Amino acid sequence: QVQLVESGGGLVQPGGSLRLSCAASGSWVSYYIVDWYRQTAGKQREMVARITIGGTTAYLLDSVRGRFTVSRDNAKNTVYLQMNSLKPEDTAVYYCHSMGNWGQGTQVTVSL
């Protein structure tokens, strides 16, 4: 079983950037597809991005296309979500997911 730990969240002003990390332990995440999801209070969790084993972006939510990129460093067993030009509507708890395993989430708040 893989354990996932997200980090990199925080408070940022609109137009700013953050890079989230999803570090895996217990198994090599390089063998698996990894997803980023986000969730705000009262709403369903939505998929933001998916990266394939080979490092190809398989999915990006329409509202983040052109602003977010997903990447992976298999040597570090880590997947990243680079978020640029952040908007207040990007405020959410961001989770990584792989093979039925979820991290604890990291809060991203975009506000003046």
PDB file of N, CA and C in Angstrom:
ATOM      1  N   GLN A   1       0.846  -1.176   0.000  1.00  0.00           N
ATOM      2  CA  GLN A   1       0.000   0.000   0.000  1.00  0.00           C
ATOM      3  C   GLN A   1       0.890   1.237   0.000  1.00  0.00           C
ATOM      4  N   VAL A   2       0.441   2.267  -0.713  1.00  0.00           N
ATOM      5  CA  VAL A   2       1.222   3.484  -0.809  1.00  0.00           C
ATOM      6  C   VAL A   2       0.657   4.526   0.137  1.00  0.00           C
ATOM      7  N   GLN A   3       1.526   5.252   0.807  1.00  0.00           N
ATOM      8  CA  GLN A   3       1.134   6.389   1.635  1.00  0.00           C
ATOM      9  C   GLN A   3       1.515   7.666   0.896  1.00  0.00           C
ATOM     10  N   LEU A   4       0.587   8.604   0.872  1.00  0.00           N
ATOM     11  CA  LEU A   4       0.771   9.845   0.135  1.00  0.00           C
ATOM     12  C   LEU A   4       0.721  11.028   1.097  1.00  0.00           C
ATOM     13  N   VAL A   5       1.661  11.952   0.946  1.00  0.00           N
ATOM     14  CA  VAL A   5       1.704  13.139   1.798  1.00  0.00           C
ATOM     15  C   VAL A   5       1.828  14.364   0.914  1.00  0.00           C
ATOM     16  N   GLU A   6       0.828  15.235   0.980  1.00  0.00           N
ATOM     17  CA  GLU A   6       0.860  16.479   0.217  1.00  0.00           C
ATOM     18  C   GLU A   6       1.518  17.588   1.036  1.00  0.00           C
ATOM     19  N   SER A   7       2.133  18.514   0.344  1.00  0.00           N
ATOM     20  CA  SER A   7       2.705  19.693   0.979  1.00  0.00           C
ATOM     21  C   SER A   7       2.748  20.822  -0.035  1.00  0.00           C
ATOM     22  N   GLY A   8       3.024  22.023   0.456  1.00  0.00           N
ATOM     23  CA  GLY A   8       3.191  23.158  -0.438  1.00  0.00           C
ATOM     24  C   GLY A   8       2.035  24.123  -0.485  1.00  0.00           C
ATOM     25  N   GLY A   9       0.955  23.799   0.211  1.00  0.00           N
ATOM     26  CA  GLY A   9      -0.175  24.708   0.225  1.00  0.00           C
ATOM     27  C   GLY A   9       0.122  25.941   1.052  1.00  0.00           C
ATOM     28  N   GLY A  10      -0.809  26.876   1.009  1.00  0.00           N
ATOM     29  CA  GLY A  10      -0.638  28.100   1.788  1.00  0.00           C
ATOM     30  C   GLY A  10      -1.549  29.193   1.305  1.00  0.00           C
ATOM     31  N   LEU A  11      -1.265  30.394   1.779  1.00  0.00           N
ATOM     32  CA  LEU A  11      -2.037  31.577   1.397  1.00  0.00           C
ATOM     33  C   LEU A  11      -1.255  32.340   0.338  1.00  0.00           C
ATOM     34  N   VAL A  12      -1.914  32.664  -0.747  1.00  0.00           N
ATOM     35  CA  VAL A  12      -1.260  33.393  -1.831  1.00  0.00           C
ATOM     36  C   VAL A  12      -2.234  34.407  -2.392  1.00  0.00           C
ATOM     37  N   GLN A  13      -1.708  35.507  -2.899  1.00  0.00           N
ATOM     38  CA  GLN A  13      -2.565  36.527  -3.504  1.00  0.00           C
ATOM     39  C   GLN A  13      -2.984  36.102  -4.906  1.00  0.00           C
ATOM     40  N   PRO A  14      -4.099  36.617  -5.376  1.00  0.00           N
ATOM     41  CA  PRO A  14      -4.508  36.329  -6.757  1.00  0.00           C
ATOM     42  C   PRO A  14      -3.383  36.673  -7.731  1.00  0.00           C
ATOM     43  N   GLY A  15      -3.179  35.803  -8.692  1.00  0.00           N
ATOM     44  CA  GLY A  15      -2.099  35.956  -9.644  1.00  0.00           C
ATOM     45  C   GLY A  15      -0.798  35.309  -9.224  1.00  0.00           C
ATOM     46  N   GLY A  16      -0.745  34.852  -7.984  1.00  0.00           N
ATOM     47  CA  GLY A  16       0.466  34.215  -7.478  1.00  0.00           C
ATOM     48  C   GLY A  16       0.584  32.756  -7.887  1.00  0.00           C
ATOM     49  N   SER A  17       1.626  32.117  -7.377  1.00  0.00           N
ATOM     50  CA  SER A  17       1.919  30.731  -7.731  1.00  0.00           C
ATOM     51  C   SER A  17       2.215  29.913  -6.481  1.00  0.00           C
ATOM     52  N   LEU A  18       1.928  28.648  -6.590  1.00  0.00           N
ATOM     53  CA  LEU A  18       2.307  27.660  -5.577  1.00  0.00           C
ATOM     54  C   LEU A  18       2.674  26.381  -6.294  1.00  0.00           C
ATOM     55  N   ARG A  19       3.555  25.605  -5.680  1.00  0.00           N
ATOM     56  CA  ARG A  19       3.827  24.268  -6.176  1.00  0.00           C
ATOM     57  C   ARG A  19       3.522  23.267  -5.085  1.00  0.00           C
ATOM     58  N   LEU A  20       2.562  22.412  -5.373  1.00  0.00           N
ATOM     59  CA  LEU A  20       2.214  21.353  -4.438  1.00  0.00           C
ATOM     60  C   LEU A  20       3.044  20.114  -4.740  1.00  0.00           C
ATOM     61  N   SER A  21       3.387  19.400  -3.682  1.00  0.00           N
ATOM     62  CA  SER A  21       4.118  18.151  -3.826  1.00  0.00           C
ATOM     63  C   SER A  21       3.302  17.013  -3.227  1.00  0.00           C
ATOM     64  N   CYS A  22       3.409  15.877  -3.824  1.00  0.00           N
ATOM     65  CA  CYS A  22       2.785  14.652  -3.313  1.00  0.00           C
ATOM     66  C   CYS A  22       3.890  13.616  -3.222  1.00  0.00           C
ATOM     67  N   ALA A  23       4.341  13.372  -1.999  1.00  0.00           N
ATOM     68  CA  ALA A  23       5.432  12.431  -1.777  1.00  0.00           C
ATOM     69  C   ALA A  23       4.851  11.081  -1.373  1.00  0.00           C
ATOM     70  N   ALA A  24       5.357  10.050  -2.010  1.00  0.00           N
ATOM     71  CA  ALA A  24       4.844   8.708  -1.752  1.00  0.00           C
ATOM     72  C   ALA A  24       5.861   7.886  -0.985  1.00  0.00           C
ATOM     73  N   SER A  25       5.354   7.022  -0.146  1.00  0.00           N
ATOM     74  CA  SER A  25       6.206   6.064   0.545  1.00  0.00           C
ATOM     75  C   SER A  25       5.455   4.743   0.631  1.00  0.00           C
ATOM     76  N   GLY A  26       6.177   3.697   0.857  1.00  0.00           N
ATOM     77  CA  GLY A  26       5.557   2.384   0.976  1.00  0.00           C
ATOM     78  C   GLY A  26       5.473   1.629  -0.321  1.00  0.00           C
ATOM     79  N   SER A  27       5.572   2.378  -1.411  1.00  0.00           N
ATOM     80  CA  SER A  27       5.552   1.733  -2.714  1.00  0.00           C
ATOM     81  C   SER A  27       6.053   2.758  -3.724  1.00  0.00           C
ATOM     82  N   TRP A  28       6.512   2.277  -4.837  1.00  0.00           N
ATOM     83  CA  TRP A  28       7.011   3.202  -5.832  1.00  0.00           C
ATOM     84  C   TRP A  28       5.865   3.789  -6.650  1.00  0.00           C
ATOM     85  N   VAL A  29       5.615   5.091  -6.418  1.00  0.00           N
ATOM     86  CA  VAL A  29       4.517   5.738  -7.127  1.00  0.00           C
ATOM     87  C   VAL A  29       4.808   5.819  -8.622  1.00  0.00           C
ATOM     88  N   SER A  30       6.078   5.634  -8.972  1.00  0.00           N
ATOM     89  CA  SER A  30       6.428   5.676 -10.389  1.00  0.00           C
ATOM     90  C   SER A  30       5.726   4.574 -11.172  1.00  0.00           C
ATOM     91  N   TYR A  31       5.191   3.578 -10.466  1.00  0.00           N
ATOM     92  CA  TYR A  31       4.481   2.494 -11.144  1.00  0.00           C
ATOM     93  C   TYR A  31       3.017   2.833 -11.398  1.00  0.00           C
ATOM     94  N   TYR A  32       2.552   3.981 -10.866  1.00  0.00           N
ATOM     95  CA  TYR A  32       1.123   4.238 -10.860  1.00  0.00           C
ATOM     96  C   TYR A  32       0.753   5.577 -11.483  1.00  0.00           C
ATOM     97  N   ILE A  33      -0.460   5.624 -12.000  1.00  0.00           N
ATOM     98  CA  ILE A  33      -1.081   6.888 -12.361  1.00  0.00           C
ATOM     99  C   ILE A  33      -1.378   7.647 -11.072  1.00  0.00           C
ATOM    100  N   VAL A  34      -1.187   8.954 -11.095  1.00  0.00           N
ATOM    101  CA  VAL A  34      -1.455   9.794  -9.919  1.00  0.00           C
ATOM    102  C   VAL A  34      -2.377  10.935 -10.326  1.00  0.00           C
ATOM    103  N   ASP A  35      -3.332  11.213  -9.472  1.00  0.00           N
ATOM    104  CA  ASP A  35      -4.297  12.285  -9.703  1.00  0.00           C
ATOM    105  C   ASP A  35      -4.159  13.355  -8.628  1.00  0.00           C
ATOM    106  N   TRP A  36      -4.502  14.578  -9.005  1.00  0.00           N
ATOM    107  CA  TRP A  36      -4.724  15.658  -8.048  1.00  0.00           C
ATOM    108  C   TRP A  36      -6.220  15.981  -8.056  1.00  0.00           C
ATOM    109  N   TYR A  37      -6.776  16.100  -6.869  1.00  0.00           N
ATOM    110  CA  TYR A  37      -8.167  16.496  -6.693  1.00  0.00           C
ATOM    111  C   TYR A  37      -8.198  17.739  -5.809  1.00  0.00           C
ATOM    112  N   ARG A  38      -9.338  18.407  -5.803  1.00  0.00           N
ATOM    113  CA  ARG A  38      -9.537  19.491  -4.862  1.00  0.00           C
ATOM    114  C   ARG A  38     -10.984  19.463  -4.375  1.00  0.00           C
ATOM    115  N   GLN A  39     -11.174  20.034  -3.199  1.00  0.00           N
ATOM    116  CA  GLN A  39     -12.507  20.040  -2.607  1.00  0.00           C
ATOM    117  C   GLN A  39     -12.684  21.297  -1.774  1.00  0.00           C
ATOM    118  N   THR A  40     -13.835  21.934  -1.971  1.00  0.00           N
ATOM    119  CA  THR A  40     -14.226  23.055  -1.129  1.00  0.00           C
ATOM    120  C   THR A  40     -15.436  22.627  -0.312  1.00  0.00           C
ATOM    121  N   ALA A  41     -15.680  23.340   0.761  1.00  0.00           N
ATOM    122  CA  ALA A  41     -16.758  22.987   1.690  1.00  0.00           C
ATOM    123  C   ALA A  41     -18.087  22.923   0.952  1.00  0.00           C
ATOM    124  N   GLY A  42     -18.797  21.836   1.160  1.00  0.00           N
ATOM    125  CA  GLY A  42     -20.117  21.687   0.586  1.00  0.00           C
ATOM    126  C   GLY A  42     -20.149  21.242  -0.853  1.00  0.00           C
ATOM    127  N   LYS A  43     -18.979  20.995  -1.429  1.00  0.00           N
ATOM    128  CA  LYS A  43     -18.920  20.571  -2.824  1.00  0.00           C
ATOM    129  C   LYS A  43     -18.246  19.220  -2.939  1.00  0.00           C
ATOM    130  N   GLN A  44     -18.538  18.551  -4.046  1.00  0.00           N
ATOM    131  CA  GLN A  44     -17.885  17.262  -4.315  1.00  0.00           C
ATOM    132  C   GLN A  44     -16.424  17.477  -4.672  1.00  0.00           C
ATOM    133  N   ARG A  45     -15.640  16.490  -4.315  1.00  0.00           N
ATOM    134  CA  ARG A  45     -14.236  16.526  -4.717  1.00  0.00           C
ATOM    135  C   ARG A  45     -14.169  16.414  -6.230  1.00  0.00           C
ATOM    136  N   GLU A  46     -13.344  17.253  -6.867  1.00  0.00           N
ATOM    137  CA  GLU A  46     -13.218  17.218  -8.321  1.00  0.00           C
ATOM    138  C   GLU A  46     -11.765  16.965  -8.715  1.00  0.00           C
ATOM    139  N   MET A  47     -11.622  16.230  -9.808  1.00  0.00           N
ATOM    140  CA  MET A  47     -10.284  15.945 -10.308  1.00  0.00           C
ATOM    141  C   MET A  47      -9.745  17.196 -10.991  1.00  0.00           C
ATOM    142  N   VAL A  48      -8.514  17.514 -10.658  1.00  0.00           N
ATOM    143  CA  VAL A  48      -7.848  18.670 -11.251  1.00  0.00           C
ATOM    144  C   VAL A  48      -6.876  18.243 -12.342  1.00  0.00           C
ATOM    145  N   ALA A  49      -6.149  17.150 -12.093  1.00  0.00           N
ATOM    146  CA  ALA A  49      -5.130  16.728 -13.047  1.00  0.00           C
ATOM    147  C   ALA A  49      -4.834  15.244 -12.860  1.00  0.00           C
ATOM    148  N   ARG A  50      -4.361  14.648 -13.917  1.00  0.00           N
ATOM    149  CA  ARG A  50      -3.908  13.253 -13.891  1.00  0.00           C
ATOM    150  C   ARG A  50      -2.622  13.149 -14.696  1.00  0.00           C
ATOM    151  N   ILE A  51      -1.682  12.405 -14.124  1.00  0.00           N
ATOM    152  CA  ILE A  51      -0.427  12.182 -14.832  1.00  0.00           C
ATOM    153  C   ILE A  51      -0.199  10.696 -14.984  1.00  0.00           C
ATOM    154  N   THR A  52       0.241  10.302 -16.159  1.00  0.00           N
ATOM    155  CA  THR A  52       0.458   8.894 -16.436  1.00  0.00           C
ATOM    156  C   THR A  52       1.782   8.419 -15.853  1.00  0.00           C
ATOM    157  N   ILE A  53       1.980   7.119 -15.928  1.00  0.00           N
ATOM    158  CA  ILE A  53       3.232   6.535 -15.448  1.00  0.00           C
ATOM    159  C   ILE A  53       4.414   7.129 -16.193  1.00  0.00           C
ATOM    160  N   GLY A  54       4.215   7.387 -17.471  1.00  0.00           N
ATOM    161  CA  GLY A  54       5.295   7.930 -18.280  1.00  0.00           C
ATOM    162  C   GLY A  54       5.495   9.426 -18.166  1.00  0.00           C
ATOM    163  N   GLY A  55       4.636  10.078 -17.380  1.00  0.00           N
ATOM    164  CA  GLY A  55       4.811  11.523 -17.179  1.00  0.00           C
ATOM    165  C   GLY A  55       3.980  12.394 -18.094  1.00  0.00           C
ATOM    166  N   THR A  56       3.079  11.800 -18.828  1.00  0.00           N
ATOM    167  CA  THR A  56       2.193  12.560 -19.709  1.00  0.00           C
ATOM    168  C   THR A  56       0.985  13.057 -18.925  1.00  0.00           C
ATOM    169  N   THR A  57       0.575  14.281 -19.213  1.00  0.00           N
ATOM    170  CA  THR A  57      -0.639  14.809 -18.596  1.00  0.00           C
ATOM    171  C   THR A  57      -1.838  14.199 -19.299  1.00  0.00           C
ATOM    172  N   ALA A  58      -2.562  13.399 -18.559  1.00  0.00           N
ATOM    173  CA  ALA A  58      -3.707  12.706 -19.149  1.00  0.00           C
ATOM    174  C   ALA A  58      -4.990  13.513 -19.003  1.00  0.00           C
ATOM    175  N   TYR A  59      -5.019  14.431 -18.038  1.00  0.00           N
ATOM    176  CA  TYR A  59      -6.224  15.204 -17.796  1.00  0.00           C
ATOM    177  C   TYR A  59      -5.865  16.489 -17.074  1.00  0.00           C
ATOM    178  N   LEU A  60      -6.521  17.580 -17.467  1.00  0.00           N
ATOM    179  CA  LEU A  60      -6.490  18.840 -16.746  1.00  0.00           C
ATOM    180  C   LEU A  60      -7.897  19.406 -16.750  1.00  0.00           C
ATOM    181  N   LEU A  61      -8.353  19.802 -15.586  1.00  0.00           N
ATOM    182  CA  LEU A  61      -9.659  20.456 -15.474  1.00  0.00           C
ATOM    183  C   LEU A  61      -9.664  21.693 -16.371  1.00  0.00           C
ATOM    184  N   ASP A  62     -10.766  21.906 -17.078  1.00  0.00           N
ATOM    185  CA  ASP A  62     -10.831  23.019 -18.026  1.00  0.00           C
ATOM    186  C   ASP A  62     -10.472  24.352 -17.381  1.00  0.00           C
ATOM    187  N   SER A  63     -10.933  24.566 -16.178  1.00  0.00           N
ATOM    188  CA  SER A  63     -10.731  25.869 -15.538  1.00  0.00           C
ATOM    189  C   SER A  63      -9.283  26.125 -15.117  1.00  0.00           C
ATOM    190  N   VAL A  64      -8.440  25.099 -15.140  1.00  0.00           N
ATOM    191  CA  VAL A  64      -7.035  25.296 -14.754  1.00  0.00           C
ATOM    192  C   VAL A  64      -6.098  25.136 -15.934  1.00  0.00           C
ATOM    193  N   ARG A  65      -6.655  24.756 -17.075  1.00  0.00           N
ATOM    194  CA  ARG A  65      -5.817  24.549 -18.264  1.00  0.00           C
ATOM    195  C   ARG A  65      -5.110  25.842 -18.634  1.00  0.00           C
ATOM    196  N   GLY A  66      -3.806  25.727 -18.877  1.00  0.00           N
ATOM    197  CA  GLY A  66      -3.016  26.909 -19.196  1.00  0.00           C
ATOM    198  C   GLY A  66      -2.417  27.577 -17.972  1.00  0.00           C
ATOM    199  N   ARG A  67      -2.878  27.182 -16.790  1.00  0.00           N
ATOM    200  CA  ARG A  67      -2.349  27.766 -15.543  1.00  0.00           C
ATOM    201  C   ARG A  67      -1.667  26.721 -14.662  1.00  0.00           C
ATOM    202  N   PHE A  68      -2.174  25.508 -14.658  1.00  0.00           N
ATOM    203  CA  PHE A  68      -1.618  24.434 -13.827  1.00  0.00           C
ATOM    204  C   PHE A  68      -0.889  23.432 -14.707  1.00  0.00           C
ATOM    205  N   THR A  69       0.180  22.887 -14.189  1.00  0.00           N
ATOM    206  CA  THR A  69       0.856  21.778 -14.841  1.00  0.00           C
ATOM    207  C   THR A  69       1.158  20.696 -13.803  1.00  0.00           C
ATOM    208  N   VAL A  70       1.104  19.466 -14.247  1.00  0.00           N
ATOM    209  CA  VAL A  70       1.398  18.335 -13.370  1.00  0.00           C
ATOM    210  C   VAL A  70       2.651  17.651 -13.901  1.00  0.00           C
ATOM    211  N   SER A  71       3.497  17.246 -12.986  1.00  0.00           N
ATOM    212  CA  SER A  71       4.744  16.585 -13.375  1.00  0.00           C
ATOM    213  C   SER A  71       5.117  15.573 -12.306  1.00  0.00           C
ATOM    214  N   ARG A  72       6.109  14.766 -12.613  1.00  0.00           N
ATOM    215  CA  ARG A  72       6.539  13.766 -11.639  1.00  0.00           C
ATOM    216  C   ARG A  72       8.040  13.581 -11.713  1.00  0.00           C
ATOM    217  N   ASP A  73       8.616  13.238 -10.567  1.00  0.00           N
ATOM    218  CA  ASP A  73      10.029  12.893 -10.483  1.00  0.00           C
ATOM    219  C   ASP A  73      10.055  11.498  -9.871  1.00  0.00           C
ATOM    220  N   ASN A  74      10.157  10.519 -10.726  1.00  0.00           N
ATOM    221  CA  ASN A  74      10.076   9.141 -10.228  1.00  0.00           C
ATOM    222  C   ASN A  74      11.259   8.787  -9.341  1.00  0.00           C
ATOM    223  N   ALA A  75      12.387   9.417  -9.556  1.00  0.00           N
ATOM    224  CA  ALA A  75      13.544   9.151  -8.704  1.00  0.00           C
ATOM    225  C   ALA A  75      13.289   9.607  -7.273  1.00  0.00           C
ATOM    226  N   LYS A  76      12.466  10.652  -7.125  1.00  0.00           N
ATOM    227  CA  LYS A  76      12.129  11.146  -5.798  1.00  0.00           C
ATOM    228  C   LYS A  76      10.784  10.617  -5.316  1.00  0.00           C
ATOM    229  N   ASN A  77      10.149   9.804  -6.158  1.00  0.00           N
ATOM    230  CA  ASN A  77       8.850   9.237  -5.793  1.00  0.00           C
ATOM    231  C   ASN A  77       7.843  10.333  -5.450  1.00  0.00           C
ATOM    232  N   THR A  78       7.861  11.390  -6.239  1.00  0.00           N
ATOM    233  CA  THR A  78       7.055  12.582  -5.943  1.00  0.00           C
ATOM    234  C   THR A  78       6.373  13.078  -7.210  1.00  0.00           C
ATOM    235  N   VAL A  79       5.145  13.546  -7.019  1.00  0.00           N
ATOM    236  CA  VAL A  79       4.384  14.173  -8.096  1.00  0.00           C
ATOM    237  C   VAL A  79       4.109  15.613  -7.681  1.00  0.00           C
ATOM    238  N   TYR A  80       4.146  16.517  -8.658  1.00  0.00           N
ATOM    239  CA  TYR A  80       3.991  17.937  -8.377  1.00  0.00           C
ATOM    240  C   TYR A  80       2.779  18.506  -9.117  1.00  0.00           C
ATOM    241  N   LEU A  81       2.227  19.554  -8.537  1.00  0.00           N
ATOM    242  CA  LEU A  81       1.209  20.350  -9.220  1.00  0.00           C
ATOM    243  C   LEU A  81       1.655  21.799  -9.143  1.00  0.00           C
ATOM    244  N   GLN A  82       2.114  22.321 -10.274  1.00  0.00           N
ATOM    245  CA  GLN A  82       2.524  23.717 -10.351  1.00  0.00           C
ATOM    246  C   GLN A  82       1.310  24.547 -10.689  1.00  0.00           C
ATOM    247  N   MET A  83       1.009  25.496  -9.837  1.00  0.00           N
ATOM    248  CA  MET A  83      -0.192  26.312 -10.011  1.00  0.00           C
ATOM    249  C   MET A  83       0.222  27.768 -10.182  1.00  0.00           C
ATOM    250  N   ASN A  84      -0.049  28.317 -11.334  1.00  0.00           N
ATOM    251  CA  ASN A  84       0.277  29.708 -11.647  1.00  0.00           C
ATOM    252  C   ASN A  84      -1.006  30.502 -11.875  1.00  0.00           C
ATOM    253  N   SER A  85      -0.870  31.805 -11.845  1.00  0.00           N
ATOM    254  CA  SER A  85      -2.011  32.711 -12.077  1.00  0.00           C
ATOM    255  C   SER A  85      -3.217  32.286 -11.242  1.00  0.00           C
ATOM    256  N   LEU A  86      -2.975  32.063  -9.988  1.00  0.00           N
ATOM    257  CA  LEU A  86      -4.028  31.560  -9.118  1.00  0.00           C
ATOM    258  C   LEU A  86      -5.164  32.555  -8.967  1.00  0.00           C
ATOM    259  N   LYS A  87      -6.354  32.011  -8.843  1.00  0.00           N
ATOM    260  CA  LYS A  87      -7.571  32.805  -8.696  1.00  0.00           C
ATOM    261  C   LYS A  87      -8.261  32.438  -7.382  1.00  0.00           C
ATOM    262  N   PRO A  88      -9.076  33.317  -6.866  1.00  0.00           N
ATOM    263  CA  PRO A  88      -9.789  32.989  -5.615  1.00  0.00           C
ATOM    264  C   PRO A  88     -10.593  31.690  -5.719  1.00  0.00           C
ATOM    265  N   GLU A  89     -11.104  31.399  -6.904  1.00  0.00           N
ATOM    266  CA  GLU A  89     -11.891  30.174  -7.061  1.00  0.00           C
ATOM    267  C   GLU A  89     -11.050  28.905  -7.042  1.00  0.00           C
ATOM    268  N   ASP A  90      -9.730  29.053  -7.003  1.00  0.00           N
ATOM    269  CA  ASP A  90      -8.854  27.884  -6.840  1.00  0.00           C
ATOM    270  C   ASP A  90      -8.701  27.507  -5.368  1.00  0.00           C
ATOM    271  N   THR A  91      -9.238  28.319  -4.486  1.00  0.00           N
ATOM    272  CA  THR A  91      -9.160  28.021  -3.063  1.00  0.00           C
ATOM    273  C   THR A  91      -9.848  26.695  -2.766  1.00  0.00           C
ATOM    274  N   ALA A  92      -9.130  25.790  -2.125  1.00  0.00           N
ATOM    275  CA  ALA A  92      -9.653  24.456  -1.840  1.00  0.00           C
ATOM    276  C   ALA A  92      -8.607  23.678  -1.056  1.00  0.00           C
ATOM    277  N   VAL A  93      -9.016  22.516  -0.577  1.00  0.00           N
ATOM    278  CA  VAL A  93      -8.052  21.546  -0.078  1.00  0.00           C
ATOM    279  C   VAL A  93      -7.693  20.654  -1.254  1.00  0.00           C
ATOM    280  N   TYR A  94      -6.415  20.514  -1.498  1.00  0.00           N
ATOM    281  CA  TYR A  94      -5.918  19.738  -2.624  1.00  0.00           C
ATOM    282  C   TYR A  94      -5.392  18.393  -2.119  1.00  0.00           C
ATOM    283  N   TYR A  95      -5.805  17.345  -2.811  1.00  0.00           N
ATOM    284  CA  TYR A  95      -5.440  15.982  -2.437  1.00  0.00           C
ATOM    285  C   TYR A  95      -4.761  15.286  -3.617  1.00  0.00           C
ATOM    286  N   CYS A  96      -3.821  14.422  -3.305  1.00  0.00           N
ATOM    287  CA  CYS A  96      -3.347  13.517  -4.342  1.00  0.00           C
ATOM    288  C   CYS A  96      -3.924  12.125  -4.077  1.00  0.00           C
ATOM    289  N   HIS A  97      -4.022  11.384  -5.153  1.00  0.00           N
ATOM    290  CA  HIS A  97      -4.680  10.081  -5.129  1.00  0.00           C
ATOM    291  C   HIS A  97      -3.966   9.141  -6.083  1.00  0.00           C
ATOM    292  N   SER A  98      -3.785   7.912  -5.618  1.00  0.00           N
ATOM    293  CA  SER A  98      -3.205   6.902  -6.494  1.00  0.00           C
ATOM    294  C   SER A  98      -3.647   5.539  -6.020  1.00  0.00           C
ATOM    295  N   MET A  99      -4.176   4.766  -6.933  1.00  0.00           N
ATOM    296  CA  MET A  99      -4.538   3.378  -6.654  1.00  0.00           C
ATOM    297  C   MET A  99      -5.397   3.235  -5.406  1.00  0.00           C
ATOM    298  N   GLY A 100      -6.364   4.126  -5.263  1.00  0.00           N
ATOM    299  CA  GLY A 100      -7.291   4.037  -4.140  1.00  0.00           C
ATOM    300  C   GLY A 100      -6.783   4.634  -2.851  1.00  0.00           C
ATOM    301  N   ASN A 101      -5.583   5.193  -2.872  1.00  0.00           N
ATOM    302  CA  ASN A 101      -4.993   5.793  -1.680  1.00  0.00           C
ATOM    303  C   ASN A 101      -5.049   7.323  -1.784  1.00  0.00           C
ATOM    304  N   TRP A 102      -5.374   7.956  -0.660  1.00  0.00           N
ATOM    305  CA  TRP A 102      -5.477   9.409  -0.596  1.00  0.00           C
ATOM    306  C   TRP A 102      -4.505   9.971   0.423  1.00  0.00           C
ATOM    307  N   GLY A 103      -3.993  11.164   0.109  1.00  0.00           N
ATOM    308  CA  GLY A 103      -3.242  11.894   1.113  1.00  0.00           C
ATOM    309  C   GLY A 103      -4.189  12.618   2.051  1.00  0.00           C
ATOM    310  N   GLN A 104      -3.607  13.371   2.980  1.00  0.00           N
ATOM    311  CA  GLN A 104      -4.409  14.076   3.984  1.00  0.00           C
ATOM    312  C   GLN A 104      -4.882  15.431   3.470  1.00  0.00           C
ATOM    313  N   GLY A 105      -4.313  15.882   2.377  1.00  0.00           N
ATOM    314  CA  GLY A 105      -4.710  17.153   1.785  1.00  0.00           C
ATOM    315  C   GLY A 105      -3.855  18.314   2.263  1.00  0.00           C
ATOM    316  N   THR A 106      -3.791  19.339   1.428  1.00  0.00           N
ATOM    317  CA  THR A 106      -3.088  20.573   1.780  1.00  0.00           C
ATOM    318  C   THR A 106      -3.971  21.745   1.354  1.00  0.00           C
ATOM    319  N   GLN A 107      -4.103  22.714   2.248  1.00  0.00           N
ATOM    320  CA  GLN A 107      -5.013  23.833   2.006  1.00  0.00           C
ATOM    321  C   GLN A 107      -4.348  24.873   1.124  1.00  0.00           C
ATOM    322  N   VAL A 108      -5.057  25.289   0.094  1.00  0.00           N
ATOM    323  CA  VAL A 108      -4.636  26.400  -0.756  1.00  0.00           C
ATOM    324  C   VAL A 108      -5.687  27.490  -0.630  1.00  0.00           C
ATOM    325  N   THR A 109      -5.241  28.677  -0.242  1.00  0.00           N
ATOM    326  CA  THR A 109      -6.148  29.820  -0.113  1.00  0.00           C
ATOM    327  C   THR A 109      -5.620  30.951  -0.974  1.00  0.00           C
ATOM    328  N   VAL A 110      -6.461  31.422  -1.890  1.00  0.00           N
ATOM    329  CA  VAL A 110      -6.088  32.515  -2.786  1.00  0.00           C
ATOM    330  C   VAL A 110      -6.938  33.716  -2.400  1.00  0.00           C
ATOM    331  N   SER A 111      -6.286  34.711  -1.834  1.00  0.00           N
ATOM    332  CA  SER A 111      -7.022  35.855  -1.309  1.00  0.00           C
ATOM    333  C   SER A 111      -6.083  37.038  -1.149  1.00  0.00           C
ATOM    334  N   LEU A 112      -6.672  38.235  -1.189  1.00  0.00           N
ATOM    335  CA  LEU A 112      -5.875  39.440  -0.974  1.00  0.00           C
ATOM    336  C   LEU A 112      -5.498  39.536   0.495  1.00  0.00           C
TER     337      LEU A 112
END
